Structure formats: structure tokens, C-alpha cells
mmCIF file of all heavy atoms, coordinates in Angstrom:
data_MODEL
# 
_entry.id   MODEL 
# 
loop_
_atom_site.group_PDB 
_atom_site.id 
_atom_site.type_symbol 
_atom_site.label_atom_id 
_atom_site.label_alt_id 
_atom_site.label_comp_id 
_atom_site.label_asym_id 
_atom_site.label_entity_id 
_atom_site.label_seq_id 
_atom_site.pdbx_PDB_ins_code 
_atom_site.Cartn_x 
_atom_site.Cartn_y 
_atom_site.Cartn_z 
_atom_site.occupancy 
_atom_site.B_iso_or_equiv 
_atom_site.pdbx_formal_charge 
_atom_site.auth_seq_id 
_atom_site.auth_comp_id 
_atom_site.auth_asym_id 
_atom_site.auth_atom_id 
_atom_site.pdbx_PDB_model_num 
ATOM 1   N N   . VAL A 1 1  ? -11.894 1.368  -6.175  1.00 0.00 ? 1  VAL A N   1 
ATOM 2   C CA  . VAL A 1 1  ? -11.537 2.535  -6.999  1.00 0.00 ? 1  VAL A CA  1 
ATOM 3   C C   . VAL A 1 1  ? -11.458 3.784  -6.124  1.00 0.00 ? 1  VAL A C   1 
ATOM 4   O O   . VAL A 1 1  ? -10.533 4.618  -6.257  1.00 0.00 ? 1  VAL A O   1 
ATOM 5   C CB  . VAL A 1 1  ? -12.550 2.698  -8.144  1.00 0.00 ? 1  VAL A CB  1 
ATOM 6   C CG1 . VAL A 1 1  ? -12.376 4.044  -8.824  1.00 0.00 ? 1  VAL A CG1 1 
ATOM 7   C CG2 . VAL A 1 1  ? -12.389 1.575  -9.167  1.00 0.00 ? 1  VAL A CG2 1 
ATOM 8   N N   . ASP A 1 2  ? -12.444 3.903  -5.206  1.00 0.00 ? 2  ASP A N   1 
ATOM 9   C CA  . ASP A 1 2  ? -12.426 5.086  -4.333  1.00 0.00 ? 2  ASP A CA  1 
ATOM 10  C C   . ASP A 1 2  ? -11.172 5.101  -3.472  1.00 0.00 ? 2  ASP A C   1 
ATOM 11  O O   . ASP A 1 2  ? -10.495 6.139  -3.311  1.00 0.00 ? 2  ASP A O   1 
ATOM 12  C CB  . ASP A 1 2  ? -13.674 5.103  -3.449  1.00 0.00 ? 2  ASP A CB  1 
ATOM 13  C CG  . ASP A 1 2  ? -14.934 5.339  -4.282  1.00 0.00 ? 2  ASP A CG  1 
ATOM 14  O OD1 . ASP A 1 2  ? -14.793 5.874  -5.419  1.00 0.00 ? 2  ASP A OD1 1 
ATOM 15  O OD2 . ASP A 1 2  ? -16.038 4.987  -3.820  1.00 0.00 ? 2  ASP A OD2 1 
ATOM 16  N N   . ARG A 1 3  ? -10.854 3.942  -2.887  1.00 0.00 ? 3  ARG A N   1 
ATOM 17  C CA  . ARG A 1 3  ? -9.652  3.878  -2.060  1.00 0.00 ? 3  ARG A CA  1 
ATOM 18  C C   . ARG A 1 3  ? -8.396  4.172  -2.872  1.00 0.00 ? 3  ARG A C   1 
ATOM 19  O O   . ARG A 1 3  ? -7.498  4.899  -2.441  1.00 0.00 ? 3  ARG A O   1 
ATOM 20  C CB  . ARG A 1 3  ? -9.536  2.501  -1.405  1.00 0.00 ? 3  ARG A CB  1 
ATOM 21  C CG  . ARG A 1 3  ? -10.584 2.239  -0.334  1.00 0.00 ? 3  ARG A CG  1 
ATOM 22  C CD  . ARG A 1 3  ? -10.391 0.849  0.247   1.00 0.00 ? 3  ARG A CD  1 
ATOM 23  N NE  . ARG A 1 3  ? -11.413 0.569  1.262   1.00 0.00 ? 3  ARG A NE  1 
ATOM 24  C CZ  . ARG A 1 3  ? -11.505 -0.596 1.908   1.00 0.00 ? 3  ARG A CZ  1 
ATOM 25  N NH1 . ARG A 1 3  ? -10.634 -1.566 1.620   1.00 0.00 ? 3  ARG A NH1 1 
ATOM 26  N NH2 . ARG A 1 3  ? -12.434 -0.783 2.817   1.00 0.00 ? 3  ARG A NH2 1 
ATOM 27  N N   . ALA A 1 4  ? -8.379  3.565  -4.065  1.00 0.00 ? 4  ALA A N   1 
ATOM 28  C CA  . ALA A 1 4  ? -7.192  3.797  -4.898  1.00 0.00 ? 4  ALA A CA  1 
ATOM 29  C C   . ALA A 1 4  ? -7.062  5.264  -5.262  1.00 0.00 ? 4  ALA A C   1 
ATOM 30  O O   . ALA A 1 4  ? -5.962  5.825  -5.301  1.00 0.00 ? 4  ALA A O   1 
ATOM 31  C CB  . ALA A 1 4  ? -7.273  2.923  -6.148  1.00 0.00 ? 4  ALA A CB  1 
ATOM 32  N N   . ARG A 1 5  ? -8.160  5.888  -5.528  1.00 0.00 ? 5  ARG A N   1 
ATOM 33  C CA  . ARG A 1 5  ? -8.119  7.306  -5.871  1.00 0.00 ? 5  ARG A CA  1 
ATOM 34  C C   . ARG A 1 5  ? -7.618  8.147  -4.680  1.00 0.00 ? 5  ARG A C   1 
ATOM 35  O O   . ARG A 1 5  ? -6.808  9.071  -4.848  1.00 0.00 ? 5  ARG A O   1 
ATOM 36  C CB  . ARG A 1 5  ? -9.499  7.768  -6.317  1.00 0.00 ? 5  ARG A CB  1 
ATOM 37  C CG  . ARG A 1 5  ? -9.870  7.287  -7.726  1.00 0.00 ? 5  ARG A CG  1 
ATOM 38  C CD  . ARG A 1 5  ? -11.252 7.734  -8.096  1.00 0.00 ? 5  ARG A CD  1 
ATOM 39  N NE  . ARG A 1 5  ? -11.607 7.286  -9.443  1.00 0.00 ? 5  ARG A NE  1 
ATOM 40  C CZ  . ARG A 1 5  ? -12.808 7.464  -10.005 1.00 0.00 ? 5  ARG A CZ  1 
ATOM 41  N NH1 . ARG A 1 5  ? -13.780 8.050  -9.272  1.00 0.00 ? 5  ARG A NH1 1 
ATOM 42  N NH2 . ARG A 1 5  ? -13.032 7.044  -11.220 1.00 0.00 ? 5  ARG A NH2 1 
ATOM 43  N N   . ARG A 1 6  ? -8.157  7.782  -3.484  1.00 0.00 ? 6  ARG A N   1 
ATOM 44  C CA  . ARG A 1 6  ? -7.705  8.532  -2.307  1.00 0.00 ? 6  ARG A CA  1 
ATOM 45  C C   . ARG A 1 6  ? -6.216  8.346  -2.067  1.00 0.00 ? 6  ARG A C   1 
ATOM 46  O O   . ARG A 1 6  ? -5.467  9.287  -1.775  1.00 0.00 ? 6  ARG A O   1 
ATOM 47  C CB  . ARG A 1 6  ? -8.508  8.110  -1.082  1.00 0.00 ? 6  ARG A CB  1 
ATOM 48  C CG  . ARG A 1 6  ? -9.965  8.583  -1.093  1.00 0.00 ? 6  ARG A CG  1 
ATOM 49  C CD  . ARG A 1 6  ? -10.600 8.451  0.294   1.00 0.00 ? 6  ARG A CD  1 
ATOM 50  N NE  . ARG A 1 6  ? -10.619 7.064  0.764   1.00 0.00 ? 6  ARG A NE  1 
ATOM 51  C CZ  . ARG A 1 6  ? -11.626 6.215  0.507   1.00 0.00 ? 6  ARG A CZ  1 
ATOM 52  N NH1 . ARG A 1 6  ? -12.676 6.634  -0.200  1.00 0.00 ? 6  ARG A NH1 1 
ATOM 53  N NH2 . ARG A 1 6  ? -11.584 4.997  0.975   1.00 0.00 ? 6  ARG A NH2 1 
ATOM 54  N N   . VAL A 1 7  ? -5.762  7.093  -2.207  1.00 0.00 ? 7  VAL A N   1 
ATOM 55  C CA  . VAL A 1 7  ? -4.333  6.816  -2.001  1.00 0.00 ? 7  VAL A CA  1 
ATOM 56  C C   . VAL A 1 7  ? -3.489  7.539  -3.033  1.00 0.00 ? 7  VAL A C   1 
ATOM 57  O O   . VAL A 1 7  ? -2.444  8.130  -2.725  1.00 0.00 ? 7  VAL A O   1 
ATOM 58  C CB  . VAL A 1 7  ? -4.089  5.301  -2.031  1.00 0.00 ? 7  VAL A CB  1 
ATOM 59  C CG1 . VAL A 1 7  ? -2.599  4.994  -2.045  1.00 0.00 ? 7  VAL A CG1 1 
ATOM 60  C CG2 . VAL A 1 7  ? -4.734  4.633  -0.826  1.00 0.00 ? 7  VAL A CG2 1 
ATOM 61  N N   . ALA A 1 8  ? -3.971  7.522  -4.282  1.00 0.00 ? 8  ALA A N   1 
ATOM 62  C CA  . ALA A 1 8  ? -3.220  8.192  -5.349  1.00 0.00 ? 8  ALA A CA  1 
ATOM 63  C C   . ALA A 1 8  ? -3.155  9.686  -5.095  1.00 0.00 ? 8  ALA A C   1 
ATOM 64  O O   . ALA A 1 8  ? -2.108  10.326 -5.307  1.00 0.00 ? 8  ALA A O   1 
ATOM 65  C CB  . ALA A 1 8  ? -3.869  7.897  -6.694  1.00 0.00 ? 8  ALA A CB  1 
ATOM 66  N N   . PHE A 1 9  ? -4.302  10.236 -4.660  1.00 0.00 ? 9  PHE A N   1 
ATOM 67  C CA  . PHE A 1 9  ? -4.308  11.676 -4.384  1.00 0.00 ? 9  PHE A CA  1 
ATOM 68  C C   . PHE A 1 9  ? -3.340  12.025 -3.255  1.00 0.00 ? 9  PHE A C   1 
ATOM 69  O O   . PHE A 1 9  ? -2.575  13.007 -3.330  1.00 0.00 ? 9  PHE A O   1 
ATOM 70  C CB  . PHE A 1 9  ? -5.734  12.115 -4.034  1.00 0.00 ? 9  PHE A CB  1 
ATOM 71  C CG  . PHE A 1 9  ? -5.873  13.582 -3.780  1.00 0.00 ? 9  PHE A CG  1 
ATOM 72  C CD1 . PHE A 1 9  ? -5.776  14.513 -4.830  1.00 0.00 ? 9  PHE A CD1 1 
ATOM 73  C CD2 . PHE A 1 9  ? -6.064  14.060 -2.478  1.00 0.00 ? 9  PHE A CD2 1 
ATOM 74  C CE1 . PHE A 1 9  ? -5.895  15.869 -4.577  1.00 0.00 ? 9  PHE A CE1 1 
ATOM 75  C CE2 . PHE A 1 9  ? -6.183  15.419 -2.250  1.00 0.00 ? 9  PHE A CE2 1 
ATOM 76  C CZ  . PHE A 1 9  ? -6.106  16.336 -3.296  1.00 0.00 ? 9  PHE A CZ  1 
ATOM 77  N N   . SER A 1 10 ? -3.355  11.190 -2.190  1.00 0.00 ? 10 SER A N   1 
ATOM 78  C CA  . SER A 1 10 ? -2.440  11.431 -1.065  1.00 0.00 ? 10 SER A CA  1 
ATOM 79  C C   . SER A 1 10 ? -0.997  11.304 -1.511  1.00 0.00 ? 10 SER A C   1 
ATOM 80  O O   . SER A 1 10 ? -0.129  12.112 -1.146  1.00 0.00 ? 10 SER A O   1 
ATOM 81  C CB  . SER A 1 10 ? -2.734  10.458 0.067   1.00 0.00 ? 10 SER A CB  1 
ATOM 82  O OG  . SER A 1 10 ? -4.062  10.619 0.528   1.00 0.00 ? 10 SER A OG  1 
ATOM 83  N N   . LEU A 1 11 ? -0.728  10.289 -2.333  1.00 0.00 ? 11 LEU A N   1 
ATOM 84  C CA  . LEU A 1 11 ? 0.644   10.112 -2.825  1.00 0.00 ? 11 LEU A CA  1 
ATOM 85  C C   . LEU A 1 11 ? 1.068   11.280 -3.688  1.00 0.00 ? 11 LEU A C   1 
ATOM 86  O O   . LEU A 1 11 ? 2.231   11.718 -3.646  1.00 0.00 ? 11 LEU A O   1 
ATOM 87  C CB  . LEU A 1 11 ? 0.753   8.808  -3.617  1.00 0.00 ? 11 LEU A CB  1 
ATOM 88  C CG  . LEU A 1 11 ? 0.652   7.518  -2.801  1.00 0.00 ? 11 LEU A CG  1 
ATOM 89  C CD1 . LEU A 1 11 ? 0.626   6.299  -3.725  1.00 0.00 ? 11 LEU A CD1 1 
ATOM 90  C CD2 . LEU A 1 11 ? 1.796   7.413  -1.809  1.00 0.00 ? 11 LEU A CD2 1 
ATOM 91  N N   . GLU A 1 12 ? 0.157   11.792 -4.489  1.00 0.00 ? 12 GLU A N   1 
ATOM 92  C CA  . GLU A 1 12 ? 0.509   12.955 -5.308  1.00 0.00 ? 12 GLU A CA  1 
ATOM 93  C C   . GLU A 1 12 ? 0.839   14.161 -4.414  1.00 0.00 ? 12 GLU A C   1 
ATOM 94  O O   . GLU A 1 12 ? 1.787   14.914 -4.679  1.00 0.00 ? 12 GLU A O   1 
ATOM 95  C CB  . GLU A 1 12 ? -0.635  13.284 -6.259  1.00 0.00 ? 12 GLU A CB  1 
ATOM 96  C CG  . GLU A 1 12 ? -0.781  12.273 -7.382  1.00 0.00 ? 12 GLU A CG  1 
ATOM 97  C CD  . GLU A 1 12 ? -1.977  12.594 -8.267  1.00 0.00 ? 12 GLU A CD  1 
ATOM 98  O OE1 . GLU A 1 12 ? -2.695  13.579 -7.944  1.00 0.00 ? 12 GLU A OE1 1 
ATOM 99  O OE2 . GLU A 1 12 ? -2.197  11.865 -9.262  1.00 0.00 ? 12 GLU A OE2 1 
ATOM 100 N N   . GLN A 1 13 ? 0.070   14.359 -3.333  1.00 0.00 ? 13 GLN A N   1 
ATOM 101 C CA  . GLN A 1 13 ? 0.343   15.476 -2.431  1.00 0.00 ? 13 GLN A CA  1 
ATOM 102 C C   . GLN A 1 13 ? 1.716   15.318 -1.772  1.00 0.00 ? 13 GLN A C   1 
ATOM 103 O O   . GLN A 1 13 ? 2.521   16.264 -1.687  1.00 0.00 ? 13 GLN A O   1 
ATOM 104 C CB  . GLN A 1 13 ? -0.747  15.568 -1.359  1.00 0.00 ? 13 GLN A CB  1 
ATOM 105 C CG  . GLN A 1 13 ? -2.100  16.054 -1.882  1.00 0.00 ? 13 GLN A CG  1 
ATOM 106 C CD  . GLN A 1 13 ? -3.149  16.135 -0.788  1.00 0.00 ? 13 GLN A CD  1 
ATOM 107 O OE1 . GLN A 1 13 ? -2.918  15.643 0.336   1.00 0.00 ? 13 GLN A OE1 1 
ATOM 108 N NE2 . GLN A 1 13 ? -4.268  16.769 -1.097  1.00 0.00 ? 13 GLN A NE2 1 
ATOM 109 N N   . VAL A 1 14 ? 1.967   14.039 -1.307  1.00 0.00 ? 14 VAL A N   1 
ATOM 110 C CA  . VAL A 1 14 ? 3.272   13.803 -0.684  1.00 0.00 ? 14 VAL A CA  1 
ATOM 111 C C   . VAL A 1 14 ? 4.387   14.012 -1.679  1.00 0.00 ? 14 VAL A C   1 
ATOM 112 O O   . VAL A 1 14 ? 5.456   14.585 -1.370  1.00 0.00 ? 14 VAL A O   1 
ATOM 113 C CB  . VAL A 1 14 ? 3.310   12.388 -0.092  1.00 0.00 ? 14 VAL A CB  1 
ATOM 114 C CG1 . VAL A 1 14 ? 4.713   12.039 0.385   1.00 0.00 ? 14 VAL A CG1 1 
ATOM 115 C CG2 . VAL A 1 14 ? 2.318   12.260 1.064   1.00 0.00 ? 14 VAL A CG2 1 
ATOM 116 N N   . GLN A 1 15 ? 4.131   13.568 -2.945  1.00 0.00 ? 15 GLN A N   1 
ATOM 117 C CA  . GLN A 1 15 ? 5.149   13.738 -3.973  1.00 0.00 ? 15 GLN A CA  1 
ATOM 118 C C   . GLN A 1 15 ? 5.433   15.211 -4.227  1.00 0.00 ? 15 GLN A C   1 
ATOM 119 O O   . GLN A 1 15 ? 6.587   15.619 -4.383  1.00 0.00 ? 15 GLN A O   1 
ATOM 120 C CB  . GLN A 1 15 ? 4.704   13.042 -5.264  1.00 0.00 ? 15 GLN A CB  1 
ATOM 121 C CG  . GLN A 1 15 ? 5.765   13.054 -6.353  1.00 0.00 ? 15 GLN A CG  1 
ATOM 122 C CD  . GLN A 1 15 ? 5.303   12.321 -7.580  1.00 0.00 ? 15 GLN A CD  1 
ATOM 123 O OE1 . GLN A 1 15 ? 4.146   11.922 -7.658  1.00 0.00 ? 15 GLN A OE1 1 
ATOM 124 N NE2 . GLN A 1 15 ? 6.203   12.138 -8.531  1.00 0.00 ? 15 GLN A NE2 1 
ATOM 125 N N   . GLU A 1 16 ? 4.389   16.029 -4.232  1.00 0.00 ? 16 GLU A N   1 
ATOM 126 C CA  . GLU A 1 16 ? 4.589   17.455 -4.439  1.00 0.00 ? 16 GLU A CA  1 
ATOM 127 C C   . GLU A 1 16 ? 5.374   18.081 -3.281  1.00 0.00 ? 16 GLU A C   1 
ATOM 128 O O   . GLU A 1 16 ? 6.289   18.898 -3.477  1.00 0.00 ? 16 GLU A O   1 
ATOM 129 C CB  . GLU A 1 16 ? 3.222   18.142 -4.595  1.00 0.00 ? 16 GLU A CB  1 
ATOM 130 C CG  . GLU A 1 16 ? 2.498   17.803 -5.902  1.00 0.00 ? 16 GLU A CG  1 
ATOM 131 C CD  . GLU A 1 16 ? 3.265   18.298 -7.097  1.00 0.00 ? 16 GLU A CD  1 
ATOM 132 O OE1 . GLU A 1 16 ? 3.984   19.309 -6.987  1.00 0.00 ? 16 GLU A OE1 1 
ATOM 133 O OE2 . GLU A 1 16 ? 3.125   17.648 -8.176  1.00 0.00 ? 16 GLU A OE2 1 
ATOM 134 N N   . ARG A 1 17 ? 5.017   17.643 -2.102  1.00 0.00 ? 17 ARG A N   1 
ATOM 135 C CA  . ARG A 1 17 ? 5.725   18.189 -0.939  1.00 0.00 ? 17 ARG A CA  1 
ATOM 136 C C   . ARG A 1 17 ? 7.177   17.749 -0.936  1.00 0.00 ? 17 ARG A C   1 
ATOM 137 O O   . ARG A 1 17 ? 8.095   18.517 -0.603  1.00 0.00 ? 17 ARG A O   1 
ATOM 138 C CB  . ARG A 1 17 ? 5.025   17.758 0.349   1.00 0.00 ? 17 ARG A CB  1 
ATOM 139 C CG  . ARG A 1 17 ? 3.608   18.366 0.485   1.00 0.00 ? 17 ARG A CG  1 
ATOM 140 C CD  . ARG A 1 17 ? 2.895   17.874 1.722   1.00 0.00 ? 17 ARG A CD  1 
ATOM 141 N NE  . ARG A 1 17 ? 3.585   18.356 2.941   1.00 0.00 ? 17 ARG A NE  1 
ATOM 142 C CZ  . ARG A 1 17 ? 3.221   18.051 4.180   1.00 0.00 ? 17 ARG A CZ  1 
ATOM 143 N NH1 . ARG A 1 17 ? 2.189   17.235 4.359   1.00 0.00 ? 17 ARG A NH1 1 
ATOM 144 N NH2 . ARG A 1 17 ? 3.888   18.535 5.209   1.00 0.00 ? 17 ARG A NH2 1 
ATOM 145 N N   . LEU A 1 18 ? 7.409   16.434 -1.335  1.00 0.00 ? 18 LEU A N   1 
ATOM 146 C CA  . LEU A 1 18 ? 8.783   15.961 -1.406  1.00 0.00 ? 18 LEU A CA  1 
ATOM 147 C C   . LEU A 1 18 ? 9.563   16.694 -2.471  1.00 0.00 ? 18 LEU A C   1 
ATOM 148 O O   . LEU A 1 18 ? 10.762  17.009 -2.291  1.00 0.00 ? 18 LEU A O   1 
ATOM 149 C CB  . LEU A 1 18 ? 8.806   14.452 -1.691  1.00 0.00 ? 18 LEU A CB  1 
ATOM 150 C CG  . LEU A 1 18 ? 8.383   13.543 -0.517  1.00 0.00 ? 18 LEU A CG  1 
ATOM 151 C CD1 . LEU A 1 18 ? 8.327   12.100 -0.981  1.00 0.00 ? 18 LEU A CD1 1 
ATOM 152 C CD2 . LEU A 1 18 ? 9.356   13.707 0.662   1.00 0.00 ? 18 LEU A CD2 1 
ATOM 153 N N   . ARG A 1 19 ? 8.924   16.999 -3.529  1.00 0.00 ? 19 ARG A N   1 
ATOM 154 C CA  . ARG A 1 19 ? 9.601   17.784 -4.571  1.00 0.00 ? 19 ARG A CA  1 
ATOM 155 C C   . ARG A 1 19 ? 9.982   19.172 -4.055  1.00 0.00 ? 19 ARG A C   1 
ATOM 156 O O   . ARG A 1 19 ? 11.071  19.686 -4.329  1.00 0.00 ? 19 ARG A O   1 
ATOM 157 C CB  . ARG A 1 19 ? 8.712   17.899 -5.802  1.00 0.00 ? 19 ARG A CB  1 
ATOM 158 C CG  . ARG A 1 19 ? 8.618   16.631 -6.622  1.00 0.00 ? 19 ARG A CG  1 
ATOM 159 C CD  . ARG A 1 19 ? 7.670   16.827 -7.779  1.00 0.00 ? 19 ARG A CD  1 
ATOM 160 N NE  . ARG A 1 19 ? 7.553   15.587 -8.544  1.00 0.00 ? 19 ARG A NE  1 
ATOM 161 C CZ  . ARG A 1 19 ? 6.720   15.428 -9.568  1.00 0.00 ? 19 ARG A CZ  1 
ATOM 162 N NH1 . ARG A 1 19 ? 5.917   16.436 -9.925  1.00 0.00 ? 19 ARG A NH1 1 
ATOM 163 N NH2 . ARG A 1 19 ? 6.684   14.292 -10.218 1.00 0.00 ? 19 ARG A NH2 1 
ATOM 164 N N   . GLY A 1 20 ? 9.039   19.741 -3.287  1.00 0.00 ? 20 GLY A N   1 
ATOM 165 C CA  . GLY A 1 20 ? 9.338   21.061 -2.717  1.00 0.00 ? 20 GLY A CA  1 
ATOM 166 C C   . GLY A 1 20 ? 10.518  20.992 -1.756  1.00 0.00 ? 20 GLY A C   1 
ATOM 167 O O   . GLY A 1 20 ? 11.408  21.843 -1.760  1.00 0.00 ? 20 GLY A O   1 
ATOM 168 N N   . LEU A 1 21 ? 10.504  19.958 -0.883  1.00 0.00 ? 21 LEU A N   1 
ATOM 169 C CA  . LEU A 1 21 ? 11.610  19.780 0.066   1.00 0.00 ? 21 LEU A CA  1 
ATOM 170 C C   . LEU A 1 21 ? 12.909  19.526 -0.667  1.00 0.00 ? 21 LEU A C   1 
ATOM 171 O O   . LEU A 1 21 ? 13.985  20.045 -0.273  1.00 0.00 ? 21 LEU A O   1 
ATOM 172 C CB  . LEU A 1 21 ? 11.295  18.628 1.016   1.00 0.00 ? 21 LEU A CB  1 
ATOM 173 C CG  . LEU A 1 21 ? 10.150  18.862 2.033   1.00 0.00 ? 21 LEU A CG  1 
ATOM 174 C CD1 . LEU A 1 21 ? 9.881   17.584 2.804   1.00 0.00 ? 21 LEU A CD1 1 
ATOM 175 C CD2 . LEU A 1 21 ? 10.513  20.015 2.982   1.00 0.00 ? 21 LEU A CD2 1 
ATOM 176 N N   . TYR A 1 22 ? 12.816  18.708 -1.751  1.00 0.00 ? 22 TYR A N   1 
ATOM 177 C CA  . TYR A 1 22 ? 14.022  18.425 -2.512  1.00 0.00 ? 22 TYR A CA  1 
ATOM 178 C C   . TYR A 1 22 ? 14.570  19.703 -3.137  1.00 0.00 ? 22 TYR A C   1 
ATOM 179 O O   . TYR A 1 22 ? 15.788  19.951 -3.134  1.00 0.00 ? 22 TYR A O   1 
ATOM 180 C CB  . TYR A 1 22 ? 13.716  17.371 -3.587  1.00 0.00 ? 22 TYR A CB  1 
ATOM 181 C CG  . TYR A 1 22 ? 14.908  17.015 -4.427  1.00 0.00 ? 22 TYR A CG  1 
ATOM 182 C CD1 . TYR A 1 22 ? 15.917  16.180 -3.908  1.00 0.00 ? 22 TYR A CD1 1 
ATOM 183 C CD2 . TYR A 1 22 ? 15.065  17.526 -5.711  1.00 0.00 ? 22 TYR A CD2 1 
ATOM 184 C CE1 . TYR A 1 22 ? 17.033  15.866 -4.668  1.00 0.00 ? 22 TYR A CE1 1 
ATOM 185 C CE2 . TYR A 1 22 ? 16.166  17.205 -6.463  1.00 0.00 ? 22 TYR A CE2 1 
ATOM 186 C CZ  . TYR A 1 22 ? 17.159  16.357 -5.953  1.00 0.00 ? 22 TYR A CZ  1 
ATOM 187 O OH  . TYR A 1 22 ? 18.257  16.063 -6.724  1.00 0.00 ? 22 TYR A OH  1 
ATOM 188 N N   . THR A 1 23 ? 13.709  20.538 -3.577  1.00 0.00 ? 23 THR A N   1 
ATOM 189 C CA  . THR A 1 23 ? 14.143  21.799 -4.169  1.00 0.00 ? 23 THR A CA  1 
ATOM 190 C C   . THR A 1 23 ? 14.786  22.705 -3.120  1.00 0.00 ? 23 THR A C   1 
ATOM 191 O O   . THR A 1 23 ? 15.848  23.315 -3.322  1.00 0.00 ? 23 THR A O   1 
ATOM 192 C CB  . THR A 1 23 ? 12.948  22.513 -4.816  1.00 0.00 ? 23 THR A CB  1 
ATOM 193 O OG1 . THR A 1 23 ? 12.376  21.650 -5.788  1.00 0.00 ? 23 THR A OG1 1 
ATOM 194 C CG2 . THR A 1 23 ? 13.381  23.797 -5.490  1.00 0.00 ? 23 THR A CG2 1 
ATOM 195 N N   . LEU A 1 24 ? 14.133  22.772 -1.953  1.00 0.00 ? 24 LEU A N   1 
ATOM 196 C CA  . LEU A 1 24 ? 14.681  23.601 -0.879  1.00 0.00 ? 24 LEU A CA  1 
ATOM 197 C C   . LEU A 1 24 ? 16.028  23.074 -0.400  1.00 0.00 ? 24 LEU A C   1 
ATOM 198 O O   . LEU A 1 24 ? 16.978  23.838 -0.133  1.00 0.00 ? 24 LEU A O   1 
ATOM 199 C CB  . LEU A 1 24 ? 13.705  23.658 0.294   1.00 0.00 ? 24 LEU A CB  1 
ATOM 200 C CG  . LEU A 1 24 ? 12.365  24.415 0.038   1.00 0.00 ? 24 LEU A CG  1 
ATOM 201 C CD1 . LEU A 1 24 ? 11.446  24.281 1.229   1.00 0.00 ? 24 LEU A CD1 1 
ATOM 202 C CD2 . LEU A 1 24 ? 12.655  25.891 -0.250  1.00 0.00 ? 24 LEU A CD2 1 
ATOM 203 N N   . ALA A 1 25 ? 16.111  21.700 -0.326  1.00 0.00 ? 25 ALA A N   1 
ATOM 204 C CA  . ALA A 1 25 ? 17.384  21.126 0.101   1.00 0.00 ? 25 ALA A CA  1 
ATOM 205 C C   . ALA A 1 25 ? 18.475  21.426 -0.895  1.00 0.00 ? 25 ALA A C   1 
ATOM 206 O O   . ALA A 1 25 ? 19.637  21.710 -0.533  1.00 0.00 ? 25 ALA A O   1 
ATOM 207 C CB  . ALA A 1 25 ? 17.225  19.612 0.291   1.00 0.00 ? 25 ALA A CB  1 
# 
């Protein structure tokens, strides 16, 4: 559960950053 939470949190951060990049692009 801890690992999954960490992975999910990291994926959410990457997703937010990708959304930002997508918006800028």
C-alpha cells in the first residue's frame, strides 16, 4: 500500500506537470 501510494503520488505529480507542458505547448 505504501509503495502504491508513493507511485500514485509520483504519477499524479508527473500528470500535473504533463498537463502544464501540454497547456504550454
